[in-house]
Amino acid sequence: AQTESAQGVMPTIDIAFHPSQLNQPQDLIAYLVQVQARILVHQHGVIAPGGTEVLAQTIDLVACFMGYGVIFSNTAYQFRGGCGSCNNPHLNREAGLPELETVYALALFCVIKGEDIKKVKRELKSHLYKSFRQAHKEISQYLQETTNPEHTLLMADFS
């Protein structure tokens, strides 16, 4: 599909979703961002160590570093129970990273960007906050103590 703009014809991307996903806004947002991150990964030919076998994890990491780590952390674990009619697992996002690894990626993003963890606490599911705080502390401490020149560059703007 294409749309007309002042600059000419611009390509568009159609992203299919199920109307029932509107009942789960965080899952829908995470799904839409995951699709966008997948497109970015494919367009830029980014292949993580491990190749295509870790493509789903790479996509989730890219999405976290696009600024959607809280939503991805909150939607990484999906309750599989329910009566059947109230839970449709096909409407949930397929997480590439497990919940705690997603929380760790969120903590890494927050440390690198100098984000205040209090903002994250307000939005993150309560059972994830302790793991987030521990990861944030561990990453911060490591980056302050490391002599690895590539890693020290991550903290150069915040020292």
Foldseek 3Di string as FASTA:
>chain_A
DWDQDPVGIHDDDDDDADPVLVVVVLQVVVQVLLVVLLVVCVVVVDADVVGPVLSLVSSLLSSLLVVSLQSLLQQQDDDPDDDVVVDDPVNGDHHSDHNLVSLLSNLLNCLLVVNDCVVSCVRHDPVCSVSNVVSNVVLNVCLVPDPPVVSVVSCPVPD
